[in-house]
Amino acid sequence: AHSDDKGLVVPPKLAPIHGVVVPIWMKDHQVDDMLKAGQELFNKLQETYPGLDFELDDRRQQKAGVKFAQWEQKGVPVRLELGPRDLEKGQVVVVRRDTGEKEFMSQDEAIAKFGELMTTIQSDLYEKAKAFREENTHLVDDYETFKSSLEEKGGFYLAHWDGTDETEAKVQAETKATIRAIPFGDTEEGKCMVTGKPSKQRVVFAKAY
């Protein structure tokens, strides 16, 4: 849930860097002006959000596309692109790492909404991860069904376990799955899917990849 083909997708609450300002220029004579504008935007973001961390990508030798790809790979939640035309219009391009959505905003609006955007991204990533977990969690009572389903589609399996190390070791040896979690508040008693012995509750089995 926290990565894609481009690299990491880091939730804001875990991100070491929350936003990166990337000045863009087409010609050499634009470099100094764009770096100055980028520095000013970076300073305003830092002043407005002292609890967040920002970066200014002021590297002169790297092309914009390379910079974009590198920050996407690192999973920085938001990229703020600032080119000569944006500077003329007093705007900035705000790019979300999680969705790839781009939005043109005035610099003042981008700064004012940055905190709200962090909250939105955090919530969206949580809901996405929660939906993924629910879609890939299966209830199973029969060991043979567990083995075949695990082999075919993977995922997480809520199954009864008799509480012994021997049974967990048997499951791991035969399927490479182990107990990944013991849910709190689960009081459903039953029979172990492997041995048929009494089980106090279901646990989560899954493979580690």
Foldseek 3Di string as FASTA:
>chain_A
DQADPLAGADQQVPDLAAEEEEEAEDDPVCLVVRLVVSVVLLVLLCVLCVPHHYYYPSDDPDHPVVVVSVVLNSNRQWYWYHYPVCVVVQWIWIAGSVPRDIDIDHSVVCSVCSVVVSVVRNVVVVVVVVVVLVVQEEEDEAPVVVQVCCVPPFGKYWYFDAPDPVVQVVCCVVRVKHFPFDDPPFQDWAAGNPPRHIGRGTTIIGHDD
